[in-house]
C-alpha atoms as a PDB file:
ATOM      1  CA  MET A   1      11.837  27.499  14.114  1.00  0.00           C
ATOM      2  CA  PHE A   2      14.322  24.626  13.837  1.00  0.00           C
ATOM      3  CA  LYS A   3      13.296  23.256  17.256  1.00  0.00           C
ATOM      4  CA  LYS A   4       9.619  23.241  16.229  1.00  0.00           C
ATOM      5  CA  LEU A   5      10.442  21.445  12.998  1.00  0.00           C
ATOM      6  CA  LYS A   6      12.565  18.916  14.874  1.00  0.00           C
ATOM      7  CA  ALA A   7       9.733  18.299  17.378  1.00  0.00           C
ATOM      8  CA  LEU A   8       7.229  17.877  14.552  1.00  0.00           C
ATOM      9  CA  PHE A   9       9.507  15.389  12.798  1.00  0.00           C
ATOM     10  CA  ALA A  10       9.911  13.423  16.053  1.00  0.00           C
ATOM     11  CA  LEU A  11       6.124  13.331  16.532  1.00  0.00           C
ATOM     12  CA  VAL A  12       5.549  12.088  12.963  1.00  0.00           C
ATOM     13  CA  ALA A  13       8.249   9.425  13.453  1.00  0.00           C
ATOM     14  CA  VAL A  14       6.617   8.151  16.665  1.00  0.00           C
ATOM     15  CA  VAL A  15       3.124   8.026  15.121  1.00  0.00           C
ATOM     16  CA  THR A  16       4.491   6.188  12.085  1.00  0.00           C
ATOM     17  CA  MET A  17       6.294   3.654  14.267  1.00  0.00           C
ATOM     18  CA  LEU A  18       3.131   2.887  16.219  1.00  0.00           C
ATOM     19  CA  SER A  19       0.920   2.440  13.176  1.00  0.00           C
ATOM     20  CA  SER A  20      -0.118  -0.822  11.592  1.00  0.00           C
ATOM     21  CA  CYS A  21      -1.565  -1.997   8.326  1.00  0.00           C
ATOM     22  CA  SER A  22      -4.284  -4.554   7.704  1.00  0.00           C
ATOM     23  CA  LEU A  23      -5.180  -5.943   4.295  1.00  0.00           C
ATOM     24  CA  THR A  24      -7.723  -8.586   3.246  1.00  0.00           C
ATOM     25  CA  LEU A  25      -7.404 -10.128  -0.212  1.00  0.00           C
ATOM     26  CA  PRO A  26      -9.538 -12.669  -2.064  1.00  0.00           C
ATOM     27  CA  VAL A  27      -7.470 -15.678  -3.054  1.00  0.00           C
ATOM     28  CA  ASN A  28      -9.831 -18.163  -4.614  1.00  0.00           C
ATOM     29  CA  ALA A  29     -13.479 -18.832  -5.405  1.00  0.00           C
ATOM     30  CA  THR A  30     -15.147 -21.980  -6.667  1.00  0.00           C
ATOM     31  CA  SER A  31     -18.455 -22.685  -8.349  1.00  0.00           C
ATOM     32  CA  ASN A  32     -19.779 -24.135  -5.079  1.00  0.00           C
ATOM     33  CA  PRO A  33     -22.581 -22.075  -3.528  1.00  0.00           C
ATOM     34  CA  VAL A  34     -21.509 -19.780  -0.704  1.00  0.00           C
ATOM     35  CA  GLY A  35     -22.224 -21.701   2.456  1.00  0.00           C
ATOM     36  CA  SER A  36     -23.055 -20.657   5.979  1.00  0.00           C
ATOM     37  CA  LYS A  37     -19.894 -22.103   7.543  1.00  0.00           C
ATOM     38  CA  VAL A  38     -16.737 -20.065   8.098  1.00  0.00           C
ATOM     39  CA  GLY A  39     -13.371 -21.458   9.154  1.00  0.00           C
ATOM     40  CA  THR A  40     -10.200 -19.586  10.029  1.00  0.00           C
ATOM     41  CA  ALA A  41      -6.559 -20.424  10.610  1.00  0.00           C
ATOM     42  CA  LYS A  42      -3.920 -17.979  11.909  1.00  0.00           C
ATOM     43  CA  ALA A  43      -0.154 -17.724  11.841  1.00  0.00           C
ATOM     44  CA  ARG A  44       1.805 -15.080  13.744  1.00  0.00           C
ATOM     45  CA  GLY A  45       5.406 -14.207  12.978  1.00  0.00           C
ATOM     46  CA  TYR A  46       8.023 -11.909  14.407  1.00  0.00           C
ATOM     47  CA  LEU A  47      10.674  -9.790  12.682  1.00  0.00           C
ATOM     48  CA  GLY A  48       9.384 -10.934   9.313  1.00  0.00           C
ATOM     49  CA  VAL A  49      10.993 -14.381   9.422  1.00  0.00           C
ATOM     50  CA  LEU A  50      10.297 -16.120  12.754  1.00  0.00           C
ATOM     51  CA  PHE A  51       7.127 -18.199  12.657  1.00  0.00           C
ATOM     52  CA  PHE A  52       6.730 -20.840  15.384  1.00  0.00           C
ATOM     53  CA  ASN A  53       4.196 -23.681  14.908  1.00  0.00           C
ATOM     54  CA  ALA A  54       2.246 -21.473  12.521  1.00  0.00           C
ATOM     55  CA  ASP A  55      -0.382 -22.970  10.224  1.00  0.00           C
ATOM     56  CA  ALA A  56      -2.594 -20.629   8.222  1.00  0.00           C
ATOM     57  CA  SER A  57      -3.300 -23.133   5.469  1.00  0.00           C
ATOM     58  CA  ILE A  58      -6.573 -23.452   3.580  1.00  0.00           C
ATOM     59  CA  LYS A  59      -6.850 -27.072   4.719  1.00  0.00           C
ATOM     60  CA  THR A  60      -6.580 -26.138   8.403  1.00  0.00           C
ATOM     61  CA  ALA A  61      -9.072 -23.274   8.037  1.00  0.00           C
ATOM     62  CA  ALA A  62     -11.566 -25.605   6.331  1.00  0.00           C
ATOM     63  CA  GLN A  63     -11.124 -28.250   9.038  1.00  0.00           C
ATOM     64  CA  ASN A  64     -11.571 -25.632  11.792  1.00  0.00           C
ATOM     65  CA  GLY A  65     -14.903 -24.606  10.232  1.00  0.00           C
ATOM     66  CA  GLY A  66     -16.080 -28.136   9.472  1.00  0.00           C
ATOM     67  CA  ILE A  67     -16.096 -27.326   5.754  1.00  0.00           C
ATOM     68  CA  THR A  68     -15.882 -30.063   3.121  1.00  0.00           C
ATOM     69  CA  LYS A  69     -16.946 -28.002   0.072  1.00  0.00           C
ATOM     70  CA  ILE A  70     -14.990 -24.733  -0.135  1.00  0.00           C
ATOM     71  CA  SER A  71     -16.688 -21.712  -1.728  1.00  0.00           C
ATOM     72  CA  THR A  72     -14.291 -18.813  -1.130  1.00  0.00           C
ATOM     73  CA  VAL A  73     -10.852 -18.255   0.346  1.00  0.00           C
ATOM     74  CA  ASP A  74      -9.579 -14.916   1.655  1.00  0.00           C
ATOM     75  CA  ILE A  75      -6.294 -14.040   3.316  1.00  0.00           C
ATOM     76  CA  LYS A  76      -6.016 -11.246   5.863  1.00  0.00           C
ATOM     77  CA  GLN A  77      -2.571  -9.852   6.628  1.00  0.00           C
ATOM     78  CA  LYS A  78      -1.809  -7.522   9.513  1.00  0.00           C
ATOM     79  CA  ASN A  79       1.631  -5.980   9.771  1.00  0.00           C
ATOM     80  CA  ILE A  80       2.984  -3.854  12.594  1.00  0.00           C
ATOM     81  CA  LEU A  81       6.282  -2.398  11.343  1.00  0.00           C
ATOM     82  CA  ASN A  82       7.358  -5.843  10.163  1.00  0.00           C
ATOM     83  CA  ILE A  83       7.898  -6.710  13.834  1.00  0.00           C
ATOM     84  CA  VAL A  84       4.650  -8.630  14.346  1.00  0.00           C
ATOM     85  CA  ILE A  85       2.980 -10.101  11.265  1.00  0.00           C
ATOM     86  CA  THR A  86      -0.287 -12.034  11.362  1.00  0.00           C
ATOM     87  CA  TYR A  87      -1.720 -14.045   8.476  1.00  0.00           C
ATOM     88  CA  GLU A  88      -5.305 -15.294   8.732  1.00  0.00           C
ATOM     89  CA  THR A  89      -6.908 -17.565   6.152  1.00  0.00           C
ATOM     90  CA  ILE A  90     -10.700 -17.296   6.001  1.00  0.00           C
ATOM     91  CA  VAL A  91     -12.628 -20.076   4.228  1.00  0.00           C
ATOM     92  CA  THR A  92     -16.387 -20.187   3.572  1.00  0.00           C
ATOM     93  CA  GLY A  93     -18.451 -23.123   2.358  1.00  0.00           C
ATOM     94  CA  GLU A  94     -20.478 -26.146   3.426  1.00  0.00           C
END
């Protein structure tokens, strides 16, 4: 019985370690009409603190989409055990 419980615990630990979480949150909205253009900017970090040449700013996302009038801003965060973290800013507008 103890060996089965130990094996089950090990299996749950492995599945938990290999899982990830993704979350998209609205950050801002303006009175501008929702446009057809979408711009994104990404930043990837490691171990929760190491980000190299990362720029997930609203300004960069708007420039990447050719947007001058921002309608909405969303941020998507993906976290894999706090080892690899990705932030993506998504901007819509005209």
